[in-house]
C-alpha atoms as a PDB file:
ATOM      1  CA  MET A   1      94.722 111.825  50.697  1.00  0.00           C
ATOM      2  CA  ILE A   2      97.449 113.814  48.947  1.00  0.00           C
ATOM      3  CA  GLY A   3      96.781 111.773  45.784  1.00  0.00           C
ATOM      4  CA  PHE A   4      93.134 112.689  46.009  1.00  0.00           C
ATOM      5  CA  LEU A   5      94.006 116.293  46.135  1.00  0.00           C
ATOM      6  CA  VAL A   6      96.413 116.094  43.226  1.00  0.00           C
ATOM      7  CA  ALA A   7      93.794 114.143  41.236  1.00  0.00           C
ATOM      8  CA  GLY A   8      91.230 116.836  42.041  1.00  0.00           C
ATOM      9  CA  LEU A   9      93.604 119.536  40.865  1.00  0.00           C
ATOM     10  CA  ILE A  10      94.338 117.681  37.619  1.00  0.00           C
ATOM     11  CA  ILE A  11      90.641 117.008  37.016  1.00  0.00           C
ATOM     12  CA  GLY A  12      89.814 120.687  37.673  1.00  0.00           C
ATOM     13  CA  ALA A  13      92.545 121.862  35.305  1.00  0.00           C
ATOM     14  CA  LEU A  14      91.402 119.504  32.542  1.00  0.00           C
ATOM     15  CA  ALA A  15      87.821 120.694  33.008  1.00  0.00           C
ATOM     16  CA  ARG A  16      88.906 124.319  32.636  1.00  0.00           C
ATOM     17  CA  LEU A  17      90.812 123.456  29.485  1.00  0.00           C
ATOM     18  CA  ILE A  18      87.815 121.671  28.078  1.00  0.00           C
ATOM     19  CA  LYS A  19      85.341 124.430  29.016  1.00  0.00           C
ATOM     20  CA  ARG A  20      85.553 127.138  26.376  1.00  0.00           C
ATOM     21  CA  GLY A  21      85.828 130.762  27.270  1.00  0.00           C
ATOM     22  CA  LYS A  22      87.436 132.610  30.164  1.00  0.00           C
ATOM     23  CA  GLN A  23      86.612 131.400  33.672  1.00  0.00           C
ATOM     24  CA  ASP A  24      87.046 133.746  36.565  1.00  0.00           C
ATOM     25  CA  LEU A  25      88.037 130.994  38.936  1.00  0.00           C
ATOM     26  CA  GLY A  26      91.162 130.835  41.090  1.00  0.00           C
ATOM     27  CA  ILE A  27      93.273 127.782  41.794  1.00  0.00           C
ATOM     28  CA  LEU A  28      91.343 127.098  45.048  1.00  0.00           C
ATOM     29  CA  ALA A  29      88.022 127.106  43.181  1.00  0.00           C
ATOM     30  CA  THR A  30      89.576 124.848  40.482  1.00  0.00           C
ATOM     31  CA  LEU A  31      90.738 122.462  43.086  1.00  0.00           C
ATOM     32  CA  LEU A  32      87.417 122.404  44.930  1.00  0.00           C
ATOM     33  CA  LEU A  33      85.391 121.794  41.810  1.00  0.00           C
ATOM     34  CA  GLY A  34      87.901 119.131  40.668  1.00  0.00           C
ATOM     35  CA  LEU A  35      87.546 117.424  44.059  1.00  0.00           C
ATOM     36  CA  VAL A  36      83.785 117.471  43.947  1.00  0.00           C
ATOM     37  CA  GLY A  37      83.971 116.228  40.296  1.00  0.00           C
ATOM     38  CA  SER A  38      86.273 113.339  41.317  1.00  0.00           C
ATOM     39  CA  VAL A  39      83.867 112.347  44.152  1.00  0.00           C
ATOM     40  CA  ILE A  40      81.016 112.335  41.651  1.00  0.00           C
ATOM     41  CA  GLY A  41      83.041 110.280  39.178  1.00  0.00           C
ATOM     42  CA  GLY A  42      84.164 107.840  41.832  1.00  0.00           C
ATOM     43  CA  THR A  43      80.554 107.442  43.120  1.00  0.00           C
ATOM     44  CA  VAL A  44      79.236 106.803  39.558  1.00  0.00           C
ATOM     45  CA  ALA A  45      82.026 104.302  38.865  1.00  0.00           C
ATOM     46  CA  ASN A  46      81.310 102.611  42.118  1.00  0.00           C
ATOM     47  CA  LEU A  47      77.576 102.372  41.400  1.00  0.00           C
ATOM     48  CA  LEU A  48      78.451 100.815  37.956  1.00  0.00           C
ATOM     49  CA  GLY A  49      80.707  98.270  39.747  1.00  0.00           C
ATOM     50  CA  THR A  50      83.989  99.341  38.144  1.00  0.00           C
ATOM     51  CA  GLY A  51      85.841 100.136  41.314  1.00  0.00           C
ATOM     52  CA  ASP A  52      85.862 101.742  44.696  1.00  0.00           C
ATOM     53  CA  ILE A  53      84.895 105.451  45.133  1.00  0.00           C
ATOM     54  CA  PHE A  54      88.556 106.435  45.881  1.00  0.00           C
ATOM     55  CA  GLU A  55      90.121 104.063  43.282  1.00  0.00           C
ATOM     56  CA  LEU A  56      91.428 105.736  40.176  1.00  0.00           C
ATOM     57  CA  ASN A  57      89.998 104.128  37.065  1.00  0.00           C
ATOM     58  CA  PHE A  58      89.227 105.270  33.510  1.00  0.00           C
ATOM     59  CA  LEU A  59      85.507 105.466  33.813  1.00  0.00           C
ATOM     60  CA  GLY A  60      85.608 107.276  37.066  1.00  0.00           C
ATOM     61  CA  PHE A  61      88.170 109.758  35.673  1.00  0.00           C
ATOM     62  CA  VAL A  62      86.088 110.494  32.634  1.00  0.00           C
ATOM     63  CA  VAL A  63      82.864 111.030  34.662  1.00  0.00           C
ATOM     64  CA  ALA A  64      84.884 113.178  37.024  1.00  0.00           C
ATOM     65  CA  VAL A  65      86.035 115.478  34.272  1.00  0.00           C
ATOM     66  CA  ILE A  66      82.583 115.768  32.826  1.00  0.00           C
ATOM     67  CA  ALA A  67      81.149 116.518  36.219  1.00  0.00           C
ATOM     68  CA  ALA A  68      83.834 119.134  36.833  1.00  0.00           C
ATOM     69  CA  VAL A  69      83.043 120.781  33.519  1.00  0.00           C
ATOM     70  CA  LEU A  70      79.408 120.976  34.404  1.00  0.00           C
ATOM     71  CA  LEU A  71      80.270 122.354  37.882  1.00  0.00           C
ATOM     72  CA  ILE A  72      82.435 125.065  36.340  1.00  0.00           C
ATOM     73  CA  GLY A  73      79.515 126.029  34.155  1.00  0.00           C
ATOM     74  CA  VAL A  74      77.240 126.216  37.191  1.00  0.00           C
ATOM     75  CA  ALA A  75      79.827 128.265  39.104  1.00  0.00           C
ATOM     76  CA  GLU A  76      80.173 130.635  36.176  1.00  0.00           C
ATOM     77  CA  GLY A  77      76.409 131.020  35.904  1.00  0.00           C
ATOM     78  CA  MET A  78      76.098 131.768  39.589  1.00  0.00           C
ATOM     79  CA  SER A  79      78.872 134.348  39.555  1.00  0.00           C
ATOM     80  CA  ASN A  80      77.516 136.080  36.455  1.00  0.00           C
ATOM     81  CA  ARG A  81      74.034 136.292  37.883  1.00  0.00           C
ATOM     82  CA  GLN A  82      75.360 137.765  41.088  1.00  0.00           C
ATOM     83  CA  GLY A  83      77.622 140.225  39.261  1.00  0.00           C
ATOM     84  CA  SER A  84      74.844 141.425  36.949  1.00  0.00           C
ATOM     85  CA  LYS A  85      72.289 142.351  39.563  1.00  0.00           C
ATOM     86  CA  THR A  86      71.433 145.967  39.751  1.00  0.00           C
ATOM     87  CA  ASP A  87      69.889 147.584  42.733  1.00  0.00           C
END
């Protein structure tokens, strides 16, 4: 479980490095998005038959980073939309 958290943090940090621009995300948001990305990556790798969902493999890692980059983009879009609303 600790390895899963560390992998999620690494995946989230890599995703933030890949995603251009300034992200207004804290370490907790990075960890959560990295964890969700790693679950998505593990699920895709499992569906493709390359390993178990919690097993670290190359394909799962790559898909996890891509998923985390996309999730960061979605999180940014949601926070920008909420911040730009005028009443």
